[in-house]
């Protein structure tokens, strides 16, 4: 048995991660398969006498996703990092996330709300 963590591309939600896991767990020779949507990773343990890592890649691609060539980094992608930072910023500023979008947060100024017509 050999365990490996690979970067996965093309996931847009946790249902995508679940879809990949279900597909891999049905594949003979894959002992364990865990997909982490937030980290964009697949950690699998396979029996290399039954299949290769290329077979794992093909199973993921058959599900509509991809194994990224650069599997040396465990850091989230740049766009994912930016999205997470923006979310953290919004959550730290707003009492409720909806407040940031409708101008209801106390002390927020939205053009035209003061009656000036601006």
C-alpha atoms as a PDB file:
ATOM      1  CA  UNK A   1       0.000   0.000   0.000  1.00  0.00           C
ATOM      2  CA  UNK A   2       1.215   3.459  -0.891  1.00  0.00           C
ATOM      3  CA  UNK A   3      -0.360   6.699   0.328  1.00  0.00           C
ATOM      4  CA  UNK A   4      -0.123   9.972  -1.602  1.00  0.00           C
ATOM      5  CA  UNK A   5      -1.684  13.436  -1.574  1.00  0.00           C
ATOM      6  CA  UNK A   6      -2.439  15.076  -4.924  1.00  0.00           C
ATOM      7  CA  UNK A   7      -3.792  18.498  -5.912  1.00  0.00           C
ATOM      8  CA  UNK A   8      -7.225  18.385  -7.564  1.00  0.00           C
ATOM      9  CA  UNK A   9      -8.538  20.996  -9.994  1.00  0.00           C
ATOM     10  CA  UNK A  10     -12.025  21.860 -11.176  1.00  0.00           C
ATOM     11  CA  UNK A  11     -13.982  21.492  -7.936  1.00  0.00           C
ATOM     12  CA  UNK A  12     -16.496  24.250  -7.209  1.00  0.00           C
ATOM     13  CA  UNK A  13     -18.226  22.851  -4.124  1.00  0.00           C
ATOM     14  CA  UNK A  14     -18.161  20.094  -1.528  1.00  0.00           C
ATOM     15  CA  UNK A  15     -20.495  17.984  -3.682  1.00  0.00           C
ATOM     16  CA  UNK A  16     -17.668  17.848  -6.236  1.00  0.00           C
ATOM     17  CA  UNK A  17     -15.339  16.437  -3.586  1.00  0.00           C
ATOM     18  CA  UNK A  18     -17.950  13.853  -2.596  1.00  0.00           C
ATOM     19  CA  UNK A  19     -18.450  12.845  -6.229  1.00  0.00           C
ATOM     20  CA  UNK A  20     -14.714  12.188  -6.651  1.00  0.00           C
ATOM     21  CA  UNK A  21     -14.547  10.217  -3.392  1.00  0.00           C
ATOM     22  CA  UNK A  22     -17.494   8.006  -4.379  1.00  0.00           C
ATOM     23  CA  UNK A  23     -15.947   7.300  -7.782  1.00  0.00           C
ATOM     24  CA  UNK A  24     -12.559   6.420  -6.312  1.00  0.00           C
ATOM     25  CA  UNK A  25     -13.961   4.230  -3.535  1.00  0.00           C
ATOM     26  CA  UNK A  26     -15.659   2.082  -6.205  1.00  0.00           C
ATOM     27  CA  UNK A  27     -12.305   1.542  -7.954  1.00  0.00           C
ATOM     28  CA  UNK A  28     -10.619  -1.796  -7.142  1.00  0.00           C
ATOM     29  CA  UNK A  29      -7.172  -1.250  -5.634  1.00  0.00           C
ATOM     30  CA  UNK A  30      -8.005   2.037  -3.915  1.00  0.00           C
ATOM     31  CA  UNK A  31      -8.044   1.311  -0.202  1.00  0.00           C
ATOM     32  CA  UNK A  32      -8.867   4.831   1.009  1.00  0.00           C
ATOM     33  CA  UNK A  33      -9.725   8.084  -0.742  1.00  0.00           C
ATOM     34  CA  UNK A  34     -10.407  11.424   0.934  1.00  0.00           C
ATOM     35  CA  UNK A  35     -10.994  14.630  -1.010  1.00  0.00           C
ATOM     36  CA  UNK A  36     -10.678  17.973   0.780  1.00  0.00           C
ATOM     37  CA  UNK A  37     -12.523  20.710  -1.121  1.00  0.00           C
ATOM     38  CA  UNK A  38     -11.022  23.609   0.869  1.00  0.00           C
ATOM     39  CA  UNK A  39      -7.446  22.388   0.429  1.00  0.00           C
ATOM     40  CA  UNK A  40      -8.113  21.138  -3.118  1.00  0.00           C
ATOM     41  CA  UNK A  41      -6.446  17.809  -2.325  1.00  0.00           C
ATOM     42  CA  UNK A  42      -7.005  14.108  -2.736  1.00  0.00           C
ATOM     43  CA  UNK A  43      -5.329  11.768  -0.277  1.00  0.00           C
ATOM     44  CA  UNK A  44      -5.464   8.160  -1.381  1.00  0.00           C
ATOM     45  CA  UNK A  45      -3.930   4.867  -0.411  1.00  0.00           C
ATOM     46  CA  UNK A  46      -3.665   2.359  -3.228  1.00  0.00           C
ATOM     47  CA  UNK A  47      -2.460  -1.162  -3.815  1.00  0.00           C
ATOM     48  CA  UNK A  48       0.162  -0.588  -6.508  1.00  0.00           C
ATOM     49  CA  UNK A  49      -0.001  -4.252  -7.527  1.00  0.00           C
ATOM     50  CA  UNK A  50      -3.569  -3.629  -8.761  1.00  0.00           C
ATOM     51  CA  UNK A  51      -3.370  -0.112 -10.211  1.00  0.00           C
ATOM     52  CA  UNK A  52      -1.065   2.849 -10.736  1.00  0.00           C
ATOM     53  CA  UNK A  53      -1.303   6.530  -9.851  1.00  0.00           C
ATOM     54  CA  UNK A  54      -2.027   7.112 -13.538  1.00  0.00           C
ATOM     55  CA  UNK A  55      -5.157   4.971 -13.063  1.00  0.00           C
ATOM     56  CA  UNK A  56      -6.145   7.215 -10.136  1.00  0.00           C
ATOM     57  CA  UNK A  57      -5.647  10.293 -12.331  1.00  0.00           C
ATOM     58  CA  UNK A  58      -7.828   8.770 -15.053  1.00  0.00           C
ATOM     59  CA  UNK A  59     -10.570   7.933 -12.531  1.00  0.00           C
ATOM     60  CA  UNK A  60     -10.572  11.556 -11.318  1.00  0.00           C
ATOM     61  CA  UNK A  61     -10.680  12.848 -14.902  1.00  0.00           C
ATOM     62  CA  UNK A  62     -13.540  10.466 -15.723  1.00  0.00           C
ATOM     63  CA  UNK A  63     -15.445  12.202 -12.915  1.00  0.00           C
ATOM     64  CA  UNK A  64     -14.907  15.547 -14.672  1.00  0.00           C
ATOM     65  CA  UNK A  65     -12.017  16.928 -12.606  1.00  0.00           C
ATOM     66  CA  UNK A  66      -8.251  17.013 -12.948  1.00  0.00           C
ATOM     67  CA  UNK A  67      -5.111  16.155 -11.058  1.00  0.00           C
ATOM     68  CA  UNK A  68      -2.869  19.206 -11.206  1.00  0.00           C
ATOM     69  CA  UNK A  69       0.685  18.673 -12.389  1.00  0.00           C
ATOM     70  CA  UNK A  70       2.234  20.739  -9.570  1.00  0.00           C
ATOM     71  CA  UNK A  71       1.629  18.480  -6.605  1.00  0.00           C
ATOM     72  CA  UNK A  72       4.562  19.736  -4.545  1.00  0.00           C
ATOM     73  CA  UNK A  73       2.710  22.559  -2.795  1.00  0.00           C
ATOM     74  CA  UNK A  74       0.122  22.113  -0.098  1.00  0.00           C
ATOM     75  CA  UNK A  75      -0.844  25.804  -0.262  1.00  0.00           C
ATOM     76  CA  UNK A  76      -4.285  26.694  -1.631  1.00  0.00           C
ATOM     77  CA  UNK A  77      -4.391  28.313  -5.049  1.00  0.00           C
ATOM     78  CA  UNK A  78      -3.913  32.072  -5.263  1.00  0.00           C
ATOM     79  CA  UNK A  79      -7.537  32.755  -6.198  1.00  0.00           C
ATOM     80  CA  UNK A  80      -8.762  30.476  -3.401  1.00  0.00           C
ATOM     81  CA  UNK A  81      -6.508  32.317  -0.941  1.00  0.00           C
ATOM     82  CA  UNK A  82      -7.914  35.656  -2.101  1.00  0.00           C
ATOM     83  CA  UNK A  83     -11.485  34.398  -1.731  1.00  0.00           C
ATOM     84  CA  UNK A  84     -10.813  33.157   1.796  1.00  0.00           C
ATOM     85  CA  UNK A  85      -9.141  36.420   2.799  1.00  0.00           C
ATOM     86  CA  UNK A  86     -12.084  38.432   1.466  1.00  0.00           C
ATOM     87  CA  UNK A  87     -14.518  36.232   3.364  1.00  0.00           C
ATOM     88  CA  UNK A  88     -12.525  36.653   6.578  1.00  0.00           C
ATOM     89  CA  UNK A  89     -12.451  40.420   6.071  1.00  0.00           C
ATOM     90  CA  UNK A  90     -16.222  40.556   5.558  1.00  0.00           C
ATOM     91  CA  UNK A  91     -16.875  38.407   8.599  1.00  0.00           C
ATOM     92  CA  UNK A  92     -14.586  40.510  10.788  1.00  0.00           C
ATOM     93  CA  UNK A  93     -16.254  43.804   9.756  1.00  0.00           C
ATOM     94  CA  UNK A  94     -19.922  42.858   9.625  1.00  0.00           C
ATOM     95  CA  UNK A  95     -22.258  41.807  12.397  1.00  0.00           C
ATOM     96  CA  UNK A  96     -24.082  39.785   9.767  1.00  0.00           C
ATOM     97  CA  UNK A  97     -22.716  39.214   6.245  1.00  0.00           C
ATOM     98  CA  UNK A  98     -25.960  40.566   4.717  1.00  0.00           C
ATOM     99  CA  UNK A  99     -25.269  43.903   6.439  1.00  0.00           C
ATOM    100  CA  UNK A 100     -22.252  44.482   4.221  1.00  0.00           C
ATOM    101  CA  UNK A 101     -24.362  44.237   1.115  1.00  0.00           C
ATOM    102  CA  UNK A 102     -27.421  46.280   2.047  1.00  0.00           C
ATOM    103  CA  UNK A 103     -25.739  49.147   3.941  1.00  0.00           C
ATOM    104  CA  UNK A 104     -27.580  48.359   7.192  1.00  0.00           C
ATOM    105  CA  UNK A 105     -24.386  48.084   9.246  1.00  0.00           C
ATOM    106  CA  UNK A 106     -24.237  50.940  11.774  1.00  0.00           C
ATOM    107  CA  UNK A 107     -21.790  53.584  10.651  1.00  0.00           C
ATOM    108  CA  UNK A 108     -21.863  52.572   6.991  1.00  0.00           C
ATOM    109  CA  UNK A 109     -22.505  55.272   4.462  1.00  0.00           C
ATOM    110  CA  UNK A 110     -24.348  54.427   1.272  1.00  0.00           C
ATOM    111  CA  UNK A 111     -24.630  57.225  -1.288  1.00  0.00           C
ATOM    112  CA  UNK A 112     -28.054  58.833  -1.230  1.00  0.00           C
ATOM    113  CA  UNK A 113     -29.160  57.491   2.170  1.00  0.00           C
ATOM    114  CA  UNK A 114     -28.585  60.821   3.914  1.00  0.00           C
ATOM    115  CA  UNK A 115     -31.139  62.658   1.753  1.00  0.00           C
ATOM    116  CA  UNK A 116     -28.477  64.696  -0.049  1.00  0.00           C
ATOM    117  CA  UNK A 117     -29.336  63.147  -3.407  1.00  0.00           C
ATOM    118  CA  UNK A 118     -25.748  62.178  -4.051  1.00  0.00           C
END
